[in-house]
Amino acid sequence: MNIFGKALSGETNNDIYDSGENGSIDYGRLADFRPRKIDTYNSLDERSLNDIISSGLSSPRPPRQLETVKSSECLEALLSPSIRSSAGTPREYHAFEPHPMIADAWERLRLSMVYFRDRPVGTIAALDPTEDSLNYNQVFVRDFVPSALAFLMNGEPEIVKNFLLKTLRLQSIEKRIDCFTLGEGVMPASFKVLHDPVRKTDTMIADFGESAIGRVAPVDSGFWWIILLRAYTKSTGDHTLADMADCQRGMRLILTLCLADGFDTFPTLLCADGCCMVDRRMGIYGYPIEIQSLFFMALRCAKVLIKPDGDGKEFLERIDKRLHALSFHMREYFWLDHQQLNNIYRFKTEEYSHTAVNKFNVIPESIPDWIFDFLPLKGGFFIGNVSPARMDFRWFAIGNFMAILGSLATFDQASAIMDLLEARWPELVGDMPLKVTYPAMEGHEWRIITGCDPKNTRWSYHNAGSWPVILWMLTAACIKAGRPQIARRAIEQVETRLSADGWPEYYDGKLGRYVGKQARKFQTWSIAGYLVAKMMLEDPSHLGMIGLEEDRKIQKPSLTRSASWTA
């Protein structure tokens, strides 16, 4: 019987697993199977958890072997839009024996939904009844991404479509801070919906950084918007949204800000502190890895979404040129493994001319002591920042995982990142996944760089705090790199505490054992991150929404002498 016949006959998705000792996945066959749905429902009062379990699992099966993946070269074929269900609330549990956290997570995710004129347009940041709402009662662009992926994986694309359209409308309004006007393409950091029960009207108010702590505009919002638009298109097969004139214009406006000619001598994007998830001063000014990875992925997503007509053709040419330069720059100068660290350790300084090896004039004495013991002989990662006379050797989780998902990292580099995770599990994962950055800044360095920020004390918040939301990126990156067992181990750790602790925003301590001192409870992206990780590990075909296979056209460019070197 062929694969399609097996699917029709009711055989499980176990058929995609080889019978060999590795239990590996044949990615080429994934698209032939219908992704399983996790049961979600509007109210837990309708059915008990026991009813749900018994209706979907007459006889629990043993855990499935999912240890290695053969190849990630067929990612674009993973997700077949025709097999996605359009049902609003799937009712069957065929995926796996559900953990009790799943029902709790779906109920709370639905409670967080925000409506504009009776249509769902996003999810608020947190529903903590014990804390002042501040801006946690708003819909954040970056925060909504895991919620959007959860809804897409569950066959509920309406809320994602509405979100994409509403944020696009907000992009077009004038963005003014005091007497200064922001660039036309800037996407909002967040928005809130005000309901007037007397006039029976809804009003949407956006924040472009003018109300944010530190008044920093979000650089990553536009990138996440493009990435999510591609995920929606890939999941639903609906190209009409991306093909709309407004969406095409929105993408071009975002890219105009990023691809504009200036004084830059590097293809990376110059950014201020606090412009991404690390939204306070943490010394990331310059060319932070998180922004570069998101920039690279957004360029690749835009490349398949922008229509090659009119201005689109010019943008596609500019995208191609930037991708070539950016991939070389990141893989060459941001990558650190044992061999490269040894090279930097032996750098000569004050080198002049195009023959220089130490191109950024990094002083070897500036290498921090901790990196020599931290970096294993087998393993590597993209460091946090590279700029003149400065290398930030810190680990930043989001930048490294998104580099894998966008194929900014080569296959060997992705494997090395996984090796590093396994070798430094206590430091990077600990008891509650996952460190947003490592190590923490302390003492005088902390005072100077953070401005004595009391929220960013050592091993807390963005100063090496542990963030459960990163679990979904870890899981996607592990599957793409062929190491899903790493993600499974992290998910099992999360399931021991996260729900019982009230789904907190982040954890404190070297091992992430303590609920963050100022962490909000019932943080929506902690909830959604768990659901996405769980669904993706069970059904790897979901990776097609967010993962990009390597573009073989992006080759290592030949380096030619600059025109300025020739009379």
Protein backbone atom coordinates (compact mmCIF):
# COMPACT_ATOMS: atom_id res chain seq x y z
CA MET A 1 0.00 0.00 0.00
CA ASN A 2 1.42 3.44 -0.83
CA ILE A 3 1.75 6.27 1.67
CA PHE A 4 -1.47 7.96 0.61
CA GLY A 5 -3.34 4.71 0.93
CA LYS A 6 -2.01 4.21 4.41
CA ALA A 7 -3.23 7.64 5.43
CA LEU A 8 -6.71 6.88 4.13
CA SER A 9 -6.81 3.54 5.86
CA GLY A 10 -6.35 5.21 9.23
CA GLU A 11 -2.77 4.31 9.94
CA THR A 12 -1.01 6.79 12.19
CA ASN A 13 1.72 9.22 11.36
CA ASN A 14 4.16 6.65 12.73
CA ASP A 15 4.42 5.56 9.10
CA ILE A 16 6.70 8.50 8.40
CA TYR A 17 9.27 7.09 10.80
CA ASP A 18 11.85 4.67 9.47
CA SER A 19 12.05 1.27 11.05
CA GLY A 20 15.81 1.61 11.49
CA GLU A 21 17.47 1.78 14.85
CA ASN A 22 17.60 5.58 14.77
CA GLY A 23 13.86 6.01 14.37
CA SER A 24 14.52 8.87 11.99
CA ILE A 25 12.02 10.93 10.03
CA ASP A 26 11.62 10.85 6.27
CA TYR A 27 10.86 14.53 5.63
CA GLY A 28 10.03 13.84 2.01
CA ARG A 29 6.91 11.92 3.09
CA LEU A 30 5.63 14.34 5.71
CA ALA A 31 3.51 16.37 3.33
CA ASP A 32 1.38 13.31 2.57
CA PHE A 33 -0.04 13.18 6.08
CA ARG A 34 -2.70 15.27 7.71
CA PRO A 35 -1.31 17.14 10.71
CA ARG A 36 -2.99 16.06 13.88
CA LYS A 37 -5.07 18.51 15.85
CA ILE A 38 -5.03 19.16 19.56
CA ASP A 39 -8.51 19.45 20.95
CA THR A 40 -9.43 23.01 21.75
CA TYR A 41 -12.76 24.35 22.82
CA ASN A 42 -14.28 27.61 23.93
CA SER A 43 -15.13 26.50 27.43
CA LEU A 44 -13.77 23.75 29.62
CA ASP A 45 -17.27 23.36 31.07
CA GLU A 46 -18.43 21.66 27.87
CA ARG A 47 -16.36 18.53 28.40
CA SER A 48 -14.18 17.09 31.12
CA LEU A 49 -10.53 16.34 30.49
CA ASN A 50 -11.21 12.63 31.04
CA ASP A 51 -13.85 12.70 28.32
CA ILE A 52 -11.40 14.29 25.93
CA ILE A 53 -8.71 11.74 26.68
CA SER A 54 -11.02 8.75 26.42
CA SER A 55 -12.59 9.98 23.18
CA GLY A 56 -9.25 10.21 21.44
CA LEU A 57 -7.18 7.50 23.05
CA SER A 58 -8.82 4.13 23.55
CA SER A 59 -5.46 2.54 24.27
CA PRO A 60 -2.48 4.72 25.15
CA ARG A 61 0.51 4.02 22.98
CA PRO A 62 4.13 4.01 24.11
CA PRO A 63 6.25 7.11 23.50
CA ARG A 64 7.38 7.42 19.93
CA GLN A 65 11.03 7.30 18.97
CA LEU A 66 12.04 10.64 17.48
CA GLU A 67 15.76 10.91 17.84
CA THR A 68 17.34 12.01 14.58
CA VAL A 69 16.22 13.57 11.35
CA LYS A 70 17.70 12.57 8.02
CA SER A 71 17.56 15.91 6.25
CA SER A 72 16.14 19.40 6.45
CA GLU A 73 16.41 20.07 2.76
CA CYS A 74 12.72 19.51 2.03
CA LEU A 75 11.28 22.08 4.44
CA GLU A 76 9.39 23.97 1.76
CA ALA A 77 7.46 20.80 0.93
CA LEU A 78 6.60 19.94 4.52
CA LEU A 79 3.33 21.79 4.69
CA SER A 80 0.62 21.04 2.17
CA PRO A 81 -2.08 23.73 2.44
CA SER A 82 -4.71 21.43 0.98
CA ILE A 83 -4.64 19.17 4.02
CA ARG A 84 -5.15 21.92 6.58
CA SER A 85 -8.52 21.89 8.26
CA SER A 86 -10.58 25.05 8.28
CA ALA A 87 -12.57 23.88 11.27
CA GLY A 88 -12.67 26.49 14.01
CA THR A 89 -12.54 24.05 16.89
CA PRO A 90 -11.15 20.58 16.15
CA ARG A 91 -12.60 18.01 18.52
CA GLU A 92 -10.35 15.00 18.22
CA TYR A 93 -7.31 13.97 20.22
CA HIS A 94 -5.40 11.57 18.02
CA ALA A 95 -1.96 13.12 18.45
CA PHE A 96 -0.66 11.72 21.73
CA GLU A 97 -1.76 11.18 25.29
CA PRO A 98 -2.47 14.77 26.27
CA HIS A 99 -0.67 16.28 29.18
CA PRO A 100 -3.09 18.05 31.57
CA MET A 101 -1.27 21.30 30.79
CA ILE A 102 -2.62 21.28 27.23
CA ALA A 103 -6.25 21.82 28.21
CA ASP A 104 -5.26 24.52 30.70
CA ALA A 105 -3.09 26.22 28.10
CA TRP A 106 -5.79 26.31 25.43
CA GLU A 107 -8.37 27.68 27.86
CA ARG A 108 -6.08 30.48 28.96
CA LEU A 109 -4.96 31.26 25.41
CA ARG A 110 -8.60 31.74 24.42
CA LEU A 111 -9.24 33.94 27.44
CA SER A 112 -6.46 36.24 26.26
CA MET A 113 -8.07 36.90 22.86
CA VAL A 114 -8.76 40.55 21.99
CA TYR A 115 -11.70 41.55 19.79
CA PHE A 116 -12.16 44.57 17.55
CA ARG A 117 -15.72 45.03 16.32
CA ASP A 118 -16.51 41.45 17.32
CA ARG A 119 -13.58 40.00 15.38
CA PRO A 120 -10.51 38.47 17.05
CA VAL A 121 -7.39 40.55 16.32
CA GLY A 122 -4.78 39.21 18.73
CA THR A 123 -3.98 38.12 22.27
CA ILE A 124 -3.00 40.37 25.16
CA ALA A 125 0.40 39.99 26.77
CA ALA A 126 -0.75 38.70 30.17
CA LEU A 127 -3.81 38.12 32.35
CA ASP A 128 -2.28 38.41 35.81
CA PRO A 129 -5.05 39.44 38.25
CA THR A 130 -2.51 40.21 41.01
CA GLU A 131 -0.52 42.89 39.16
CA ASP A 132 -1.24 46.27 37.57
CA SER A 133 -1.82 45.79 33.88
CA LEU A 134 0.50 48.60 32.65
CA ASN A 135 1.08 47.69 28.99
CA TYR A 136 0.53 43.98 29.55
CA ASN A 137 -3.11 44.47 28.54
CA GLN A 138 -2.02 45.27 24.98
CA VAL A 139 -1.41 43.12 21.93
CA PHE A 140 2.33 43.07 21.17
CA VAL A 141 3.45 42.19 17.67
CA ARG A 142 6.35 39.98 18.77
CA ASP A 143 4.34 38.45 21.62
CA PHE A 144 1.49 37.44 19.33
CA VAL A 145 3.71 35.35 17.03
CA PRO A 146 3.63 32.13 19.13
CA SER A 147 -0.12 32.61 19.67
CA ALA A 148 -0.57 33.00 15.91
CA LEU A 149 1.43 29.85 15.21
CA ALA A 150 -0.66 27.91 17.72
CA PHE A 151 -3.88 29.01 16.03
CA LEU A 152 -2.51 28.26 12.57
CA MET A 153 -1.38 24.79 13.63
CA ASN A 154 -4.85 24.22 15.03
CA GLY A 155 -6.60 25.20 11.80
CA GLU A 156 -7.83 28.60 13.03
CA PRO A 157 -6.34 31.23 10.70
CA GLU A 158 -8.99 33.97 11.08
CA ILE A 159 -7.39 35.67 14.09
CA VAL A 160 -4.02 35.68 12.34
CA LYS A 161 -5.42 37.23 9.17
CA ASN A 162 -7.24 39.91 11.16
CA PHE A 163 -4.08 40.68 13.14
CA LEU A 164 -1.99 41.05 9.99
CA LEU A 165 -4.51 43.40 8.42
CA LYS A 166 -5.06 45.57 11.51
CA THR A 167 -1.35 46.05 12.20
CA LEU A 168 -0.91 46.90 8.53
CA ARG A 169 -3.49 49.67 8.89
CA LEU A 170 -1.65 50.98 11.94
CA GLN A 171 1.62 51.08 9.99
CA SER A 172 0.14 53.67 7.63
CA ILE A 173 -0.70 56.27 10.31
CA GLU A 174 1.69 59.07 11.17
CA LYS A 175 4.11 58.10 13.95
CA ARG A 176 5.18 61.10 16.00
CA ILE A 177 7.23 61.27 19.19
CA ASP A 178 7.34 64.79 20.58
CA CYS A 179 8.28 66.88 17.51
CA PHE A 180 9.88 64.05 15.56
CA THR A 181 8.25 61.76 13.00
CA LEU A 182 9.30 58.11 12.65
CA GLY A 183 9.88 56.35 9.33
CA GLU A 184 6.77 55.49 7.36
CA GLY A 185 7.40 51.74 7.45
CA VAL A 186 7.77 51.32 11.22
CA MET A 187 5.37 48.71 12.62
CA PRO A 188 3.83 49.25 16.07
CA ALA A 189 5.32 47.62 19.12
CA SER A 190 1.79 47.01 20.41
CA PHE A 191 -1.79 48.18 20.26
CA LYS A 192 -4.82 48.20 22.52
CA VAL A 193 -8.52 48.18 21.79
CA LEU A 194 -10.77 50.59 23.69
CA HIS A 195 -14.46 49.65 23.89
CA ASP A 196 -17.00 52.44 24.37
CA PRO A 197 -20.18 50.74 25.69
CA VAL A 198 -22.21 53.97 25.41
CA ARG A 199 -21.44 54.77 21.79
CA LYS A 200 -20.89 51.10 21.03
CA THR A 201 -17.65 51.80 19.21
CA ASP A 202 -14.18 50.26 19.26
CA THR A 203 -11.00 52.27 18.92
CA MET A 204 -7.53 50.88 18.23
CA ILE A 205 -4.56 52.78 19.68
CA ALA A 206 -1.02 51.90 18.65
CA ASP A 207 2.29 52.37 20.45
CA PHE A 208 5.32 52.89 18.20
CA GLY A 209 7.68 53.47 21.11
CA GLU A 210 6.31 56.81 22.26
CA SER A 211 4.85 55.18 25.38
CA ALA A 212 7.42 52.41 25.81
CA ILE A 213 9.87 52.30 28.68
CA GLY A 214 12.92 54.11 27.33
CA ARG A 215 11.00 55.38 24.27
CA VAL A 216 12.65 52.89 21.91
CA ALA A 217 10.96 52.02 18.63
CA PRO A 218 10.76 48.28 17.86
CA VAL A 219 13.01 47.20 15.02
CA ASP A 220 11.85 43.59 15.16
CA SER A 221 8.08 44.20 14.77
CA GLY A 222 8.28 44.67 11.01
CA PHE A 223 10.41 41.54 10.62
CA TRP A 224 8.03 39.42 12.69
CA TRP A 225 5.11 40.77 10.63
CA ILE A 226 6.68 39.60 7.37
CA ILE A 227 7.64 36.23 8.89
CA LEU A 228 4.09 35.74 10.18
CA LEU A 229 2.60 36.71 6.80
CA ARG A 230 4.67 33.98 5.19
CA ALA A 231 3.61 31.49 7.91
CA TYR A 232 -0.06 32.34 7.28
CA THR A 233 0.38 31.91 3.53
CA LYS A 234 2.24 28.64 3.94
CA SER A 235 -0.31 27.25 6.40
CA THR A 236 -3.51 28.19 4.58
CA GLY A 237 -2.41 28.25 0.96
CA ASP A 238 -4.16 31.63 0.77
CA HIS A 239 -1.93 33.86 -1.36
CA THR A 240 -4.60 36.54 -1.80
CA LEU A 241 -3.65 38.25 1.49
CA ALA A 242 0.05 38.58 0.66
CA ASP A 243 -0.81 39.60 -2.91
CA MET A 244 -2.99 42.51 -1.75
CA ALA A 245 -1.65 45.88 -2.81
CA ASP A 246 -1.62 47.04 0.83
CA CYS A 247 0.43 44.04 1.98
CA GLN A 248 2.86 44.45 -0.89
CA ARG A 249 3.25 48.12 0.00
CA GLY A 250 3.65 47.29 3.70
CA MET A 251 6.51 44.90 3.01
CA ARG A 252 8.22 47.40 0.73
CA LEU A 253 7.96 50.13 3.38
CA ILE A 254 9.58 47.89 5.98
CA LEU A 255 12.36 46.93 3.60
CA THR A 256 12.89 50.54 2.53
CA LEU A 257 13.91 51.38 6.09
CA CYS A 258 16.35 48.46 6.20
CA LEU A 259 17.83 48.57 2.72
CA ALA A 260 18.35 52.32 2.46
CA ASP A 261 21.81 53.43 1.43
CA GLY A 262 23.81 55.20 4.11
CA PHE A 263 27.20 55.33 5.79
CA ASP A 264 27.21 51.61 6.62
CA THR A 265 30.28 49.60 5.70
CA PHE A 266 28.68 46.35 6.92
CA PRO A 267 25.57 44.56 5.57
CA THR A 268 24.25 44.14 9.12
CA LEU A 269 21.59 46.46 10.52
CA LEU A 270 22.65 49.14 13.03
CA CYS A 271 20.28 49.15 16.03
CA ALA A 272 19.82 50.82 19.38
CA ASP A 273 19.61 49.16 22.78
CA GLY A 274 16.12 47.95 23.66
CA CYS A 275 14.90 47.59 20.06
CA CYS A 276 13.88 43.89 20.22
CA MET A 277 12.84 41.32 22.84
CA VAL A 278 15.80 42.53 24.91
CA ASP A 279 13.84 45.73 25.43
CA ARG A 280 16.03 47.47 27.98
CA ARG A 281 19.64 48.56 28.05
CA MET A 282 21.72 45.41 27.93
CA GLY A 283 24.68 46.54 25.84
CA ILE A 284 23.30 45.24 22.55
CA TYR A 285 23.72 48.55 20.75
CA GLY A 286 25.33 48.03 17.36
CA TYR A 287 24.56 44.87 15.40
CA PRO A 288 22.73 42.49 17.80
CA ILE A 289 22.46 38.87 16.66
CA GLU A 290 18.70 38.73 17.27
CA ILE A 291 18.00 41.57 14.85
CA GLN A 292 20.42 40.24 12.22
CA SER A 293 18.83 36.77 12.30
CA LEU A 294 15.32 38.22 12.06
CA PHE A 295 16.44 40.61 9.33
CA PHE A 296 17.88 37.73 7.31
CA MET A 297 14.75 35.61 7.75
CA ALA A 298 12.41 38.51 6.91
CA LEU A 299 14.38 39.17 3.71
CA ARG A 300 14.04 35.54 2.70
CA CYS A 301 10.31 35.52 3.47
CA ALA A 302 9.80 38.76 1.55
CA LYS A 303 11.67 37.27 -1.37
CA VAL A 304 8.92 34.66 -1.86
CA LEU A 305 6.04 37.03 -1.05
CA ILE A 306 6.84 40.16 -3.05
CA LYS A 307 5.46 40.09 -6.58
CA PRO A 308 8.07 40.75 -9.29
CA ASP A 309 6.16 43.56 -10.97
CA GLY A 310 6.65 47.31 -10.81
CA ASP A 311 8.74 48.29 -7.79
CA GLY A 312 8.76 44.67 -6.67
CA LYS A 313 11.43 43.69 -9.17
CA GLU A 314 13.83 46.33 -7.83
CA PHE A 315 13.22 45.22 -4.26
CA LEU A 316 13.88 41.59 -5.13
CA GLU A 317 17.21 42.55 -6.68
CA ARG A 318 18.16 44.53 -3.58
CA ILE A 319 17.09 41.64 -1.35
CA ASP A 320 19.28 39.20 -3.27
CA LYS A 321 22.33 41.45 -2.98
CA ARG A 322 21.79 41.98 0.77
CA LEU A 323 21.24 38.28 1.44
CA HIS A 324 24.53 37.37 -0.24
CA ALA A 325 26.48 39.96 1.74
CA LEU A 326 24.69 39.34 5.03
CA SER A 327 25.07 35.56 4.96
CA PHE A 328 28.82 35.85 4.31
CA HIS A 329 29.30 38.50 7.00
CA MET A 330 27.39 36.61 9.70
CA ARG A 331 28.89 33.19 8.99
CA GLU A 332 32.40 34.63 8.76
CA TYR A 333 32.55 37.21 11.57
CA PHE A 334 29.78 36.35 14.06
CA TRP A 335 30.50 32.62 14.23
CA LEU A 336 32.55 31.35 17.19
CA ASP A 337 33.88 27.86 17.80
CA HIS A 338 37.07 26.57 19.42
CA GLN A 339 39.20 27.16 16.33
CA GLN A 340 37.90 30.67 15.76
CA LEU A 341 38.38 31.59 19.43
CA ASN A 342 41.99 30.45 19.15
CA ASN A 343 42.39 32.62 16.05
CA ILE A 344 41.00 35.69 17.84
CA TYR A 345 43.21 34.95 20.84
CA ARG A 346 46.23 35.27 18.53
CA PHE A 347 45.03 38.35 16.62
CA LYS A 348 47.50 41.08 15.79
CA THR A 349 46.16 44.62 16.14
CA GLU A 350 46.48 47.91 14.28
CA GLU A 351 46.39 46.15 10.92
CA TYR A 352 45.82 48.41 7.95
CA SER A 353 44.68 47.74 4.37
CA HIS A 354 42.43 45.12 2.83
CA THR A 355 44.94 42.41 3.75
CA ALA A 356 44.09 42.75 7.47
CA VAL A 357 43.10 39.56 9.27
CA ASN A 358 41.78 41.33 12.37
CA LYS A 359 39.33 43.41 10.34
CA PHE A 360 37.55 44.92 13.35
CA ASN A 361 40.74 45.62 15.32
CA VAL A 362 39.59 43.52 18.28
CA ILE A 363 42.11 43.57 21.12
CA PRO A 364 42.70 39.95 22.28
CA GLU A 365 42.93 41.15 25.89
CA SER A 366 39.24 42.14 25.65
CA ILE A 367 38.18 38.48 25.41
CA PRO A 368 36.34 37.68 28.66
CA ASP A 369 37.78 34.92 30.83
CA TRP A 370 34.52 32.96 31.04
CA ILE A 371 34.39 32.16 27.32
CA PHE A 372 37.53 30.00 27.42
CA ASP A 373 35.94 27.54 29.85
CA PHE A 374 32.43 27.86 28.45
CA LEU A 375 33.13 27.01 24.81
CA PRO A 376 33.53 23.24 24.35
CA LEU A 377 35.93 21.67 21.86
CA LYS A 378 32.89 20.45 19.92
CA GLY A 379 30.26 23.12 19.49
CA GLY A 380 29.81 26.77 18.58
CA PHE A 381 27.36 29.65 18.28
CA PHE A 382 26.77 33.09 16.81
CA ILE A 383 28.05 35.66 19.29
CA GLY A 384 25.94 38.58 20.39
CA ASN A 385 27.54 41.48 18.54
CA VAL A 386 30.47 42.44 16.32
CA SER A 387 31.51 46.03 15.69
CA PRO A 388 34.75 48.03 15.59
CA ALA A 389 37.05 47.05 18.47
CA ARG A 390 34.26 45.08 20.10
CA MET A 391 33.02 41.51 20.19
CA ASP A 392 30.16 40.65 22.52
CA PHE A 393 30.81 36.97 23.24
CA ARG A 394 27.51 36.42 25.10
CA TRP A 395 25.04 33.73 24.04
CA PHE A 396 21.67 35.04 22.84
CA ALA A 397 19.11 32.26 22.39
CA ILE A 398 16.65 33.89 20.00
CA GLY A 399 19.34 35.03 17.55
CA ASN A 400 20.88 31.57 17.37
CA PHE A 401 17.61 29.65 17.03
CA MET A 402 16.23 32.02 14.39
CA ALA A 403 19.53 31.71 12.53
CA ILE A 404 18.88 27.98 12.31
CA LEU A 405 15.24 28.40 11.27
CA GLY A 406 16.08 30.90 8.53
CA SER A 407 19.09 28.87 7.37
CA LEU A 408 21.44 31.72 8.13
CA ALA A 409 23.33 28.99 9.98
CA THR A 410 24.80 26.31 7.76
CA PHE A 411 24.01 22.68 8.52
CA ASP A 412 27.35 22.27 10.32
CA GLN A 413 26.79 25.44 12.33
CA ALA A 414 23.28 24.32 13.32
CA SER A 415 24.74 21.01 14.51
CA ALA A 416 27.42 22.86 16.47
CA ILE A 417 24.77 24.98 18.23
CA MET A 418 22.99 21.78 19.25
CA ASP A 419 26.30 20.34 20.50
CA LEU A 420 26.81 23.45 22.61
CA LEU A 421 23.33 23.11 24.13
CA GLU A 422 23.99 19.53 25.14
CA ALA A 423 27.46 20.28 26.48
CA ARG A 424 26.31 23.34 28.47
CA TRP A 425 22.82 22.23 29.47
CA PRO A 426 22.95 23.47 33.09
CA GLU A 427 24.13 26.92 32.02
CA LEU A 428 21.85 27.49 29.00
CA VAL A 429 18.77 25.42 29.88
CA GLY A 430 18.90 24.70 33.59
CA ASP A 431 15.77 23.67 35.45
CA MET A 432 13.41 25.92 33.49
CA PRO A 433 14.20 26.52 29.82
CA LEU A 434 15.59 28.77 28.50
CA LYS A 435 18.27 31.39 29.12
CA VAL A 436 17.59 34.41 26.91
CA THR A 437 21.26 35.34 27.26
CA TYR A 438 24.32 34.00 29.04
CA PRO A 439 26.15 34.86 31.23
CA ALA A 440 24.69 37.54 33.48
CA MET A 441 26.33 40.93 33.92
CA GLU A 442 27.24 41.73 37.50
CA GLY A 443 28.85 44.41 39.63
CA HIS A 444 30.38 47.45 37.99
CA GLU A 445 29.69 46.17 34.46
CA TRP A 446 26.00 45.79 35.28
CA ARG A 447 25.79 49.31 36.74
CA ILE A 448 27.42 50.95 33.75
CA ILE A 449 25.74 49.02 30.93
CA THR A 450 22.18 48.73 32.29
CA GLY A 451 22.11 52.07 34.09
CA CYS A 452 21.53 50.22 37.38
CA ASP A 453 18.25 48.86 36.03
CA PRO A 454 16.64 47.09 39.04
CA LYS A 455 14.66 44.74 36.79
CA ASN A 456 17.81 43.53 35.04
CA THR A 457 19.71 42.41 38.12
CA ARG A 458 21.91 39.35 37.60
CA TRP A 459 20.16 36.16 36.48
CA SER A 460 16.85 37.99 36.07
CA TYR A 461 14.69 39.32 33.25
CA HIS A 462 16.90 39.97 30.19
CA ASN A 463 20.09 39.76 32.24
CA ALA A 464 20.30 35.95 31.88
CA GLY A 465 16.77 35.22 33.05
CA SER A 466 14.99 32.07 31.83
CA TRP A 467 12.08 32.55 29.41
CA PRO A 468 9.68 29.64 28.72
CA VAL A 469 8.46 31.27 25.48
CA ILE A 470 11.80 30.46 23.80
CA LEU A 471 10.78 26.79 24.05
CA TRP A 472 8.96 26.98 20.71
CA MET A 473 12.03 28.35 18.91
CA LEU A 474 14.23 25.72 20.56
CA THR A 475 11.86 22.96 19.45
CA ALA A 476 11.66 24.20 15.86
CA ALA A 477 15.43 24.62 15.67
CA CYS A 478 16.05 21.16 17.14
CA ILE A 479 13.74 19.50 14.62
CA LYS A 480 15.33 21.37 11.74
CA ALA A 481 18.82 20.46 12.94
CA GLY A 482 17.83 16.81 13.34
CA ARG A 483 18.07 16.77 17.15
CA PRO A 484 14.45 16.68 18.44
CA GLN A 485 15.48 14.70 21.52
CA ILE A 486 16.98 17.93 22.90
CA ALA A 487 13.60 19.68 22.61
CA ARG A 488 11.80 16.72 24.17
CA ARG A 489 14.06 16.90 27.19
CA ALA A 490 13.36 20.63 27.59
CA ILE A 491 9.59 20.18 27.21
CA GLU A 492 9.57 17.48 29.88
CA GLN A 493 11.29 19.90 32.25
CA VAL A 494 8.75 22.62 31.49
CA GLU A 495 5.84 20.27 32.18
CA THR A 496 7.00 19.68 35.75
CA ARG A 497 6.38 23.27 36.81
CA LEU A 498 5.19 25.86 34.30
CA SER A 499 1.44 25.40 34.71
CA ALA A 500 1.68 24.85 38.47
CA ASP A 501 3.63 28.09 38.77
CA GLY A 502 0.90 29.99 36.91
CA TRP A 503 2.57 30.30 33.49
CA PRO A 504 5.00 33.07 34.54
CA GLU A 505 6.75 35.41 32.12
CA TYR A 506 10.28 34.46 33.21
CA TYR A 507 12.31 32.75 35.93
CA ASP A 508 15.26 33.95 38.00
CA GLY A 509 18.46 32.32 39.17
CA LYS A 510 21.40 30.55 37.53
CA LEU A 511 19.27 27.45 36.94
CA GLY A 512 15.93 29.22 36.52
CA ARG A 513 14.46 27.73 39.68
CA TYR A 514 12.59 30.78 40.96
CA VAL A 515 9.62 32.58 39.46
CA GLY A 516 10.85 36.00 38.36
CA LYS A 517 10.69 38.69 41.01
CA GLN A 518 8.65 40.96 38.74
CA ALA A 519 7.33 38.31 36.36
CA ARG A 520 3.68 38.47 35.35
CA LYS A 521 1.65 35.30 35.83
CA PHE A 522 -0.44 33.80 33.02
CA GLN A 523 1.86 35.30 30.40
CA THR A 524 0.25 34.53 27.06
CA TRP A 525 3.40 33.82 25.10
CA SER A 526 4.61 31.41 27.78
CA ILE A 527 1.34 29.55 27.26
CA ALA A 528 1.42 29.70 23.46
CA GLY A 529 5.11 28.82 23.31
CA TYR A 530 4.44 25.56 25.13
CA LEU A 531 1.52 24.68 22.85
CA VAL A 532 3.52 25.37 19.69
CA ALA A 533 6.46 23.32 20.95
CA LYS A 534 4.19 20.43 21.87
CA MET A 535 2.33 20.40 18.56
CA MET A 536 5.48 20.81 16.52
CA LEU A 537 7.31 17.97 18.24
CA GLU A 538 4.32 15.68 17.70
CA ASP A 539 3.83 16.70 14.08
CA PRO A 540 7.08 17.99 12.52
CA SER A 541 5.28 19.00 9.33
CA HIS A 542 4.29 22.18 11.20
CA LEU A 543 7.91 23.23 10.86
CA GLY A 544 7.10 24.19 7.27
CA MET A 545 5.33 27.32 8.52
CA ILE A 546 8.35 28.83 10.21
CA GLY A 547 11.39 27.00 8.83
CA LEU A 548 13.20 27.83 5.61
CA GLU A 549 15.44 25.43 3.77
CA GLU A 550 18.85 26.65 2.69
CA ASP A 551 18.84 28.80 -0.41
CA ARG A 552 21.60 27.31 -2.50
CA LYS A 553 21.78 30.48 -4.58
CA ILE A 554 23.20 32.28 -1.56
CA GLN A 555 26.79 31.24 -2.09
CA LYS A 556 29.89 32.59 -0.46
CA PRO A 557 30.57 35.68 -2.60
CA SER A 558 33.91 36.31 -4.18
CA LEU A 559 35.67 39.17 -2.42
CA THR A 560 36.90 41.87 -4.77
CA ARG A 561 38.97 44.92 -4.04
CA SER A 562 36.93 48.03 -3.31
CA ALA A 563 36.93 50.74 -5.95
CA SER A 564 38.31 53.13 -3.31
CA TRP A 565 41.55 51.12 -3.25
CA THR A 566 42.25 51.92 -6.87
CA ALA A 567 43.30 55.30 -8.13
